[in-house]
Amino acid sequence: MKPQTINQENKAAPCRSLLCPSAQPEMAGSMVLGVIAGKDSNARLSYLEQPIPVTDALLKLAHPVEPTQLLRFAAHCEENHCIHYNGKDCTLATRLVQILPAVTEALPPCKIRSECRWFQQEHKAACMRCPQVITSLENPTAEMARAALPSAVG
């Protein structure tokens, strides 16, 4: 089955294999989605022109900090193996849209949008919040901490 195309302004068509845009670097098939610029509540994702596969050498470049403090990763959504998946949707994507403010007015230059679970599920609203999502944020805002918790309900 061939993945279907999407309308990047509004809605996505179903895809067979979706990507998590906030994956861990050790996940199978993990790739770097972007580099984190700024600190704390001002941190934003600077998207790479093309995602690059994760290697041990790449991860060692982050030393002495955790790679998730400098980079954001994408990998295939692990669905039922993830604490944010409820059997149908990514509840993290839902909470991000419900809790966090949009940080951009235009769609970010994301290269995984056509396969992104967040976009497939929450559409443009997820994209408008995506640049502020940092996997390992040292000093998250109260909103960010609330959105990250699996039990948080908007």
N, C-alpha and C. Protein backbone atom coordinates (compact mmCIF):
# COMPACT_ATOMS: atom_id res chain seq x y z
N MET A 1 0.84 -1.19 0.00
CA MET A 1 0.00 0.00 0.00
C MET A 1 0.88 1.24 0.00
N LYS A 2 0.67 2.11 -0.93
CA LYS A 2 1.45 3.33 -1.08
C LYS A 2 0.88 4.44 -0.19
N PRO A 3 1.76 5.18 0.59
CA PRO A 3 1.25 6.30 1.39
C PRO A 3 0.58 7.33 0.50
N GLN A 4 -0.49 7.93 0.99
CA GLN A 4 -1.21 8.94 0.23
C GLN A 4 -0.61 10.31 0.46
N THR A 5 -0.88 11.22 -0.45
CA THR A 5 -0.37 12.58 -0.33
C THR A 5 -1.22 13.37 0.64
N ILE A 6 -0.72 14.54 1.03
CA ILE A 6 -1.42 15.36 2.00
C ILE A 6 -1.60 16.77 1.50
N ASN A 7 -2.55 17.45 2.08
CA ASN A 7 -2.74 18.88 1.90
C ASN A 7 -2.09 19.51 3.12
N GLN A 8 -0.93 20.14 2.98
CA GLN A 8 -0.18 20.61 4.13
C GLN A 8 -0.82 21.78 4.86
N GLU A 9 -1.81 22.41 4.30
CA GLU A 9 -2.46 23.52 4.98
C GLU A 9 -3.53 23.07 5.96
N ASN A 10 -4.23 22.00 5.69
CA ASN A 10 -5.36 21.64 6.52
C ASN A 10 -5.35 20.23 7.06
N LYS A 11 -5.50 19.26 6.19
CA LYS A 11 -5.69 17.90 6.66
C LYS A 11 -4.72 16.95 6.00
N ALA A 12 -4.54 15.81 6.67
CA ALA A 12 -3.66 14.79 6.15
C ALA A 12 -4.47 13.56 5.77
N ALA A 13 -4.00 12.88 4.77
CA ALA A 13 -4.62 11.61 4.38
C ALA A 13 -3.93 10.49 5.14
N PRO A 14 -4.60 9.37 5.35
CA PRO A 14 -4.01 8.27 6.11
C PRO A 14 -2.71 7.78 5.49
N CYS A 15 -1.77 7.44 6.34
CA CYS A 15 -0.49 6.90 5.92
C CYS A 15 -0.32 5.55 6.60
N ARG A 16 0.41 4.68 5.99
CA ARG A 16 0.58 3.35 6.55
C ARG A 16 1.53 3.34 7.74
N SER A 17 2.64 4.01 7.67
CA SER A 17 3.64 4.00 8.72
C SER A 17 3.96 5.43 9.12
N LEU A 18 3.53 5.82 10.31
CA LEU A 18 3.71 7.21 10.73
C LEU A 18 4.95 7.37 11.59
N LEU A 19 5.47 8.59 11.59
CA LEU A 19 6.65 8.92 12.37
C LEU A 19 6.28 9.73 13.60
N CYS A 20 6.98 9.47 14.68
CA CYS A 20 6.88 10.28 15.90
C CYS A 20 7.90 11.39 15.77
N PRO A 21 7.49 12.66 15.88
CA PRO A 21 8.44 13.76 15.76
C PRO A 21 9.13 14.13 17.08
N SER A 22 8.91 13.32 18.11
CA SER A 22 9.57 13.55 19.39
C SER A 22 10.07 12.22 19.94
N ALA A 23 10.83 11.52 19.12
CA ALA A 23 11.32 10.18 19.44
C ALA A 23 12.60 10.24 20.26
N GLN A 24 12.99 9.09 20.74
CA GLN A 24 14.26 8.95 21.45
C GLN A 24 15.33 8.49 20.46
N PRO A 25 16.57 8.91 20.66
CA PRO A 25 17.62 8.58 19.68
C PRO A 25 17.90 7.08 19.57
N GLU A 26 17.61 6.31 20.61
CA GLU A 26 17.90 4.88 20.56
C GLU A 26 16.80 4.05 19.88
N MET A 27 15.72 4.70 19.49
CA MET A 27 14.64 3.98 18.81
C MET A 27 15.09 3.53 17.42
N ALA A 28 14.59 2.37 16.99
CA ALA A 28 14.95 1.83 15.68
C ALA A 28 14.60 2.84 14.58
N GLY A 29 15.56 3.05 13.68
CA GLY A 29 15.33 3.95 12.56
C GLY A 29 15.33 5.42 12.92
N SER A 30 15.79 5.77 14.11
CA SER A 30 15.79 7.15 14.56
C SER A 30 16.63 8.04 13.64
N MET A 31 16.14 9.26 13.44
CA MET A 31 16.85 10.23 12.63
C MET A 31 16.75 11.60 13.28
N VAL A 32 17.73 12.45 13.01
CA VAL A 32 17.73 13.80 13.55
C VAL A 32 16.79 14.65 12.70
N LEU A 33 15.81 15.24 13.36
CA LEU A 33 14.84 16.11 12.71
C LEU A 33 15.34 17.55 12.67
N GLY A 34 16.03 17.96 13.75
CA GLY A 34 16.52 19.33 13.82
C GLY A 34 17.43 19.55 15.00
N VAL A 35 17.94 20.77 15.07
CA VAL A 35 18.85 21.20 16.13
C VAL A 35 18.12 22.22 16.99
N ILE A 36 18.31 22.12 18.30
CA ILE A 36 17.65 23.02 19.22
C ILE A 36 18.49 24.28 19.40
N ALA A 37 17.86 25.41 19.16
CA ALA A 37 18.51 26.71 19.31
C ALA A 37 17.83 27.45 20.46
N GLY A 38 18.60 28.11 21.30
CA GLY A 38 18.04 28.83 22.43
C GLY A 38 17.99 27.96 23.67
N LYS A 39 17.45 28.53 24.74
CA LYS A 39 17.44 27.84 26.02
C LYS A 39 16.10 28.03 26.71
N ASP A 40 15.74 27.03 27.51
CA ASP A 40 14.53 27.04 28.32
C ASP A 40 13.30 27.41 27.49
N SER A 41 12.51 28.39 27.93
CA SER A 41 11.26 28.71 27.24
C SER A 41 11.49 29.36 25.88
N ASN A 42 12.71 29.81 25.60
CA ASN A 42 13.03 30.39 24.29
C ASN A 42 13.60 29.38 23.32
N ALA A 43 13.76 28.15 23.74
CA ALA A 43 14.32 27.12 22.87
C ALA A 43 13.36 26.83 21.72
N ARG A 44 13.93 26.70 20.52
CA ARG A 44 13.13 26.39 19.34
C ARG A 44 13.90 25.41 18.47
N LEU A 45 13.16 24.61 17.76
CA LEU A 45 13.76 23.65 16.85
C LEU A 45 14.09 24.33 15.53
N SER A 46 15.31 24.15 15.10
CA SER A 46 15.74 24.60 13.78
C SER A 46 15.80 23.34 12.92
N TYR A 47 14.86 23.21 12.00
CA TYR A 47 14.70 22.00 11.21
C TYR A 47 15.85 21.82 10.23
N LEU A 48 16.31 20.58 10.10
CA LEU A 48 17.33 20.27 9.10
C LEU A 48 16.69 20.26 7.72
N GLU A 49 17.49 20.53 6.70
CA GLU A 49 16.97 20.46 5.32
C GLU A 49 16.52 19.05 5.00
N GLN A 50 17.22 18.06 5.53
CA GLN A 50 16.84 16.66 5.40
C GLN A 50 17.21 15.95 6.70
N PRO A 51 16.32 15.14 7.26
CA PRO A 51 16.68 14.38 8.46
C PRO A 51 17.88 13.48 8.16
N ILE A 52 18.71 13.27 9.18
CA ILE A 52 19.88 12.39 9.00
C ILE A 52 19.80 11.23 9.98
N PRO A 53 20.20 10.05 9.55
CA PRO A 53 20.15 8.88 10.43
C PRO A 53 21.04 9.06 11.66
N VAL A 54 20.58 8.51 12.77
CA VAL A 54 21.35 8.57 14.00
C VAL A 54 22.44 7.51 13.97
N THR A 55 23.64 7.92 14.38
CA THR A 55 24.77 7.00 14.53
C THR A 55 25.37 7.22 15.91
N ASP A 56 26.13 6.26 16.38
CA ASP A 56 26.82 6.42 17.66
C ASP A 56 27.74 7.63 17.63
N ALA A 57 28.44 7.81 16.52
CA ALA A 57 29.36 8.95 16.39
C ALA A 57 28.61 10.27 16.50
N LEU A 58 27.45 10.35 15.89
CA LEU A 58 26.64 11.57 15.96
C LEU A 58 26.21 11.84 17.40
N LEU A 59 25.76 10.82 18.10
CA LEU A 59 25.31 11.00 19.48
C LEU A 59 26.46 11.41 20.40
N LYS A 60 27.66 10.93 20.13
CA LYS A 60 28.84 11.28 20.95
C LYS A 60 29.20 12.75 20.82
N LEU A 61 28.82 13.37 19.71
CA LEU A 61 29.11 14.80 19.50
C LEU A 61 28.39 15.68 20.53
N ALA A 62 27.31 15.19 21.10
CA ALA A 62 26.54 15.97 22.08
C ALA A 62 27.22 16.01 23.44
N HIS A 63 28.13 15.09 23.71
CA HIS A 63 28.78 15.00 25.02
C HIS A 63 29.35 16.36 25.42
N PRO A 64 29.15 16.82 26.62
CA PRO A 64 28.75 16.11 27.83
C PRO A 64 27.24 16.17 28.12
N VAL A 65 26.44 16.78 27.26
CA VAL A 65 25.00 16.84 27.53
C VAL A 65 24.29 15.69 26.81
N GLU A 66 23.04 15.47 27.18
CA GLU A 66 22.24 14.45 26.52
C GLU A 66 21.91 14.90 25.09
N PRO A 67 21.94 13.99 24.14
CA PRO A 67 21.61 14.36 22.75
C PRO A 67 20.23 15.02 22.63
N THR A 68 19.27 14.62 23.48
CA THR A 68 17.92 15.18 23.40
C THR A 68 17.86 16.61 23.91
N GLN A 69 18.95 17.13 24.46
CA GLN A 69 19.00 18.53 24.85
C GLN A 69 19.49 19.41 23.70
N LEU A 70 20.09 18.79 22.70
CA LEU A 70 20.64 19.53 21.55
C LEU A 70 19.93 19.23 20.24
N LEU A 71 19.34 18.05 20.16
CA LEU A 71 18.75 17.59 18.91
C LEU A 71 17.35 17.07 19.16
N ARG A 72 16.53 17.10 18.12
CA ARG A 72 15.23 16.45 18.21
C ARG A 72 15.20 15.34 17.17
N PHE A 73 14.62 14.23 17.57
CA PHE A 73 14.65 13.02 16.77
C PHE A 73 13.26 12.61 16.31
N ALA A 74 13.22 11.93 15.20
CA ALA A 74 11.99 11.33 14.69
C ALA A 74 12.29 9.85 14.45
N ALA A 75 11.29 9.03 14.66
CA ALA A 75 11.39 7.59 14.40
C ALA A 75 9.97 7.08 14.19
N HIS A 76 9.86 5.84 13.77
CA HIS A 76 8.52 5.27 13.58
C HIS A 76 7.79 5.25 14.91
N CYS A 77 6.54 5.66 14.88
CA CYS A 77 5.69 5.67 16.06
C CYS A 77 5.59 4.24 16.59
N GLU A 78 5.82 4.09 17.88
CA GLU A 78 5.76 2.76 18.49
C GLU A 78 4.37 2.39 18.98
N GLU A 79 3.42 3.25 18.72
CA GLU A 79 2.01 3.03 19.05
C GLU A 79 1.81 2.44 20.43
N ASN A 80 1.34 1.23 20.55
CA ASN A 80 0.98 0.66 21.85
C ASN A 80 2.16 0.46 22.80
N HIS A 81 3.38 0.66 22.33
CA HIS A 81 4.56 0.56 23.20
C HIS A 81 4.93 1.93 23.79
N CYS A 82 4.13 2.94 23.51
CA CYS A 82 4.40 4.30 23.96
C CYS A 82 3.36 4.73 25.00
N ILE A 83 3.81 5.41 26.05
CA ILE A 83 2.89 5.85 27.11
C ILE A 83 1.93 6.93 26.63
N HIS A 84 2.22 7.57 25.51
CA HIS A 84 1.35 8.63 25.00
C HIS A 84 0.30 8.13 24.01
N TYR A 85 0.33 6.86 23.67
CA TYR A 85 -0.59 6.32 22.68
C TYR A 85 -1.77 5.64 23.37
N ASN A 86 -2.96 5.99 22.98
CA ASN A 86 -4.16 5.45 23.64
C ASN A 86 -4.86 4.34 22.85
N GLY A 87 -4.19 3.81 21.85
CA GLY A 87 -4.80 2.78 21.02
C GLY A 87 -5.32 3.33 19.71
N LYS A 88 -5.47 4.64 19.64
CA LYS A 88 -5.96 5.30 18.42
C LYS A 88 -5.14 6.55 18.09
N ASP A 89 -4.86 7.34 19.11
CA ASP A 89 -4.20 8.63 18.91
C ASP A 89 -2.99 8.81 19.80
N CYS A 90 -2.16 9.78 19.42
CA CYS A 90 -1.05 10.22 20.26
C CYS A 90 -1.61 11.28 21.20
N THR A 91 -1.71 10.95 22.47
CA THR A 91 -2.26 11.91 23.43
C THR A 91 -1.31 13.07 23.69
N LEU A 92 -0.01 12.87 23.41
CA LEU A 92 0.93 13.98 23.53
C LEU A 92 0.58 15.06 22.51
N ALA A 93 0.33 14.68 21.29
CA ALA A 93 -0.05 15.64 20.25
C ALA A 93 -1.32 16.38 20.65
N THR A 94 -2.28 15.65 21.19
CA THR A 94 -3.54 16.27 21.63
C THR A 94 -3.27 17.31 22.71
N ARG A 95 -2.47 16.93 23.71
CA ARG A 95 -2.17 17.86 24.81
C ARG A 95 -1.38 19.07 24.34
N LEU A 96 -0.44 18.88 23.43
CA LEU A 96 0.33 20.01 22.90
C LEU A 96 -0.60 21.05 22.28
N VAL A 97 -1.55 20.58 21.50
CA VAL A 97 -2.49 21.48 20.83
C VAL A 97 -3.44 22.13 21.84
N GLN A 98 -3.87 21.40 22.85
CA GLN A 98 -4.80 21.92 23.85
C GLN A 98 -4.14 22.88 24.83
N ILE A 99 -2.88 22.64 25.16
CA ILE A 99 -2.24 23.37 26.27
C ILE A 99 -1.27 24.46 25.81
N LEU A 100 -0.46 24.19 24.80
CA LEU A 100 0.59 25.14 24.41
C LEU A 100 0.09 26.16 23.39
N PRO A 101 0.63 27.36 23.46
CA PRO A 101 0.28 28.36 22.45
C PRO A 101 1.03 28.08 21.14
N ALA A 102 0.49 28.53 20.05
CA ALA A 102 1.20 28.45 18.78
C ALA A 102 2.41 29.37 18.85
N VAL A 103 3.52 28.95 18.23
CA VAL A 103 4.73 29.77 18.25
C VAL A 103 5.15 30.22 16.85
N THR A 104 4.36 29.87 15.86
CA THR A 104 4.64 30.28 14.49
C THR A 104 3.31 30.44 13.76
N GLU A 105 3.28 31.33 12.79
CA GLU A 105 2.07 31.54 12.01
C GLU A 105 2.08 30.74 10.72
N ALA A 106 3.28 30.40 10.26
CA ALA A 106 3.42 29.63 9.02
C ALA A 106 3.88 28.22 9.35
N LEU A 107 3.58 27.30 8.46
CA LEU A 107 4.05 25.93 8.66
C LEU A 107 5.57 25.91 8.68
N PRO A 108 6.18 25.27 9.68
CA PRO A 108 7.64 25.16 9.72
C PRO A 108 8.14 24.31 8.55
N PRO A 109 9.41 24.45 8.20
CA PRO A 109 9.97 23.71 7.07
C PRO A 109 10.31 22.27 7.43
N CYS A 110 9.32 21.51 7.80
CA CYS A 110 9.49 20.14 8.28
C CYS A 110 9.48 19.16 7.11
N LYS A 111 10.44 18.26 7.09
CA LYS A 111 10.56 17.29 6.00
C LYS A 111 9.84 15.98 6.28
N ILE A 112 9.27 15.80 7.48
CA ILE A 112 8.56 14.55 7.77
C ILE A 112 7.05 14.74 7.80
N ARG A 113 6.56 15.93 7.50
CA ARG A 113 5.13 16.23 7.65
C ARG A 113 4.22 15.18 7.00
N SER A 114 4.57 14.71 5.84
CA SER A 114 3.70 13.75 5.15
C SER A 114 3.59 12.42 5.89
N GLU A 115 4.52 12.14 6.81
CA GLU A 115 4.50 10.90 7.57
C GLU A 115 4.33 11.13 9.07
N CYS A 116 4.14 12.36 9.48
CA CYS A 116 4.13 12.73 10.90
C CYS A 116 2.79 12.38 11.56
N ARG A 117 2.86 11.62 12.65
CA ARG A 117 1.65 11.26 13.39
C ARG A 117 0.96 12.52 13.91
N TRP A 118 1.71 13.47 14.45
CA TRP A 118 1.10 14.68 15.00
C TRP A 118 0.32 15.42 13.92
N PHE A 119 0.91 15.56 12.73
CA PHE A 119 0.23 16.26 11.65
C PHE A 119 -0.98 15.46 11.16
N GLN A 120 -0.82 14.17 11.01
CA GLN A 120 -1.94 13.33 10.57
C GLN A 120 -3.12 13.47 11.52
N GLN A 121 -2.83 13.59 12.78
CA GLN A 121 -3.87 13.62 13.81
C GLN A 121 -4.40 15.01 14.10
N GLU A 122 -3.53 15.96 14.33
CA GLU A 122 -3.91 17.31 14.79
C GLU A 122 -3.78 18.38 13.70
N HIS A 123 -3.25 17.99 12.57
CA HIS A 123 -3.14 18.86 11.40
C HIS A 123 -2.24 20.07 11.68
N LYS A 124 -2.55 21.18 11.08
CA LYS A 124 -1.71 22.39 11.15
C LYS A 124 -1.50 22.86 12.60
N ALA A 125 -2.48 22.65 13.47
CA ALA A 125 -2.36 23.09 14.86
C ALA A 125 -1.14 22.48 15.54
N ALA A 126 -0.83 21.23 15.24
CA ALA A 126 0.36 20.59 15.82
C ALA A 126 1.64 21.24 15.28
N CYS A 127 1.65 21.53 14.00
CA CYS A 127 2.82 22.14 13.38
C CYS A 127 3.14 23.51 13.97
N MET A 128 2.11 24.26 14.33
CA MET A 128 2.29 25.60 14.89
C MET A 128 2.91 25.57 16.30
N ARG A 129 2.89 24.40 16.92
CA ARG A 129 3.44 24.23 18.27
C ARG A 129 4.73 23.42 18.27
N CYS A 130 4.95 22.69 17.22
CA CYS A 130 6.07 21.76 17.13
C CYS A 130 7.45 22.38 17.41
N PRO A 131 7.77 23.58 16.91
CA PRO A 131 9.11 24.11 17.12
C PRO A 131 9.51 24.32 18.59
N GLN A 132 8.52 24.42 19.49
CA GLN A 132 8.84 24.65 20.90
C GLN A 132 8.99 23.35 21.70
N VAL A 133 8.71 22.22 21.07
CA VAL A 133 8.78 20.94 21.77
C VAL A 133 10.23 20.48 21.84
N ILE A 134 10.74 20.40 23.06
CA ILE A 134 12.10 19.96 23.32
C ILE A 134 11.99 18.71 24.19
N THR A 135 12.54 17.61 23.72
CA THR A 135 12.37 16.33 24.41
C THR A 135 12.92 16.35 25.83
N SER A 136 14.09 16.93 26.03
CA SER A 136 14.70 16.98 27.37
C SER A 136 14.96 18.43 27.74
N LEU A 137 13.95 19.09 28.22
CA LEU A 137 14.05 20.48 28.61
C LEU A 137 14.35 20.57 30.09
N GLU A 138 15.44 21.25 30.45
CA GLU A 138 15.86 21.33 31.85
C GLU A 138 14.89 22.12 32.71
N ASN A 139 14.40 23.23 32.23
CA ASN A 139 13.52 24.10 33.00
C ASN A 139 12.24 24.38 32.21
N PRO A 140 11.37 23.38 32.11
CA PRO A 140 10.15 23.59 31.31
C PRO A 140 9.20 24.57 31.97
N THR A 141 8.43 25.28 31.16
CA THR A 141 7.37 26.12 31.69
C THR A 141 6.31 25.19 32.30
N ALA A 142 5.43 25.75 33.09
CA ALA A 142 4.35 24.95 33.69
C ALA A 142 3.49 24.33 32.59
N GLU A 143 3.23 25.09 31.53
CA GLU A 143 2.43 24.57 30.41
C GLU A 143 3.12 23.40 29.73
N MET A 144 4.43 23.54 29.49
CA MET A 144 5.17 22.48 28.81
C MET A 144 5.21 21.22 29.68
N ALA A 145 5.43 21.39 30.97
CA ALA A 145 5.46 20.24 31.88
C ALA A 145 4.10 19.55 31.90
N ARG A 146 3.04 20.31 31.92
CA ARG A 146 1.69 19.75 31.93
C ARG A 146 1.39 19.01 30.62
N ALA A 147 1.81 19.58 29.51
CA ALA A 147 1.57 18.93 28.21
C ALA A 147 2.35 17.63 28.08
N ALA A 148 3.50 17.55 28.72
CA ALA A 148 4.34 16.35 28.61
C ALA A 148 3.85 15.18 29.44
N LEU A 149 3.03 15.43 30.44
CA LEU A 149 2.57 14.36 31.33
C LEU A 149 1.45 13.55 30.71
N PRO A 150 1.62 12.23 30.63
CA PRO A 150 0.59 11.39 30.03
C PRO A 150 -0.78 11.51 30.70
N SER A 151 -0.83 11.84 31.98
CA SER A 151 -2.12 11.93 32.67
C SER A 151 -2.80 13.29 32.55
N ALA A 152 -2.07 14.27 31.97
CA ALA A 152 -2.63 15.62 31.85
C ALA A 152 -3.78 15.64 30.85
N VAL A 153 -4.84 16.30 31.22
CA VAL A 153 -6.00 16.44 30.33
C VAL A 153 -6.27 17.92 30.17
N GLY A 154 -6.41 18.35 28.91
CA GLY A 154 -6.59 19.77 28.62
C GLY A 154 -7.90 20.28 28.88
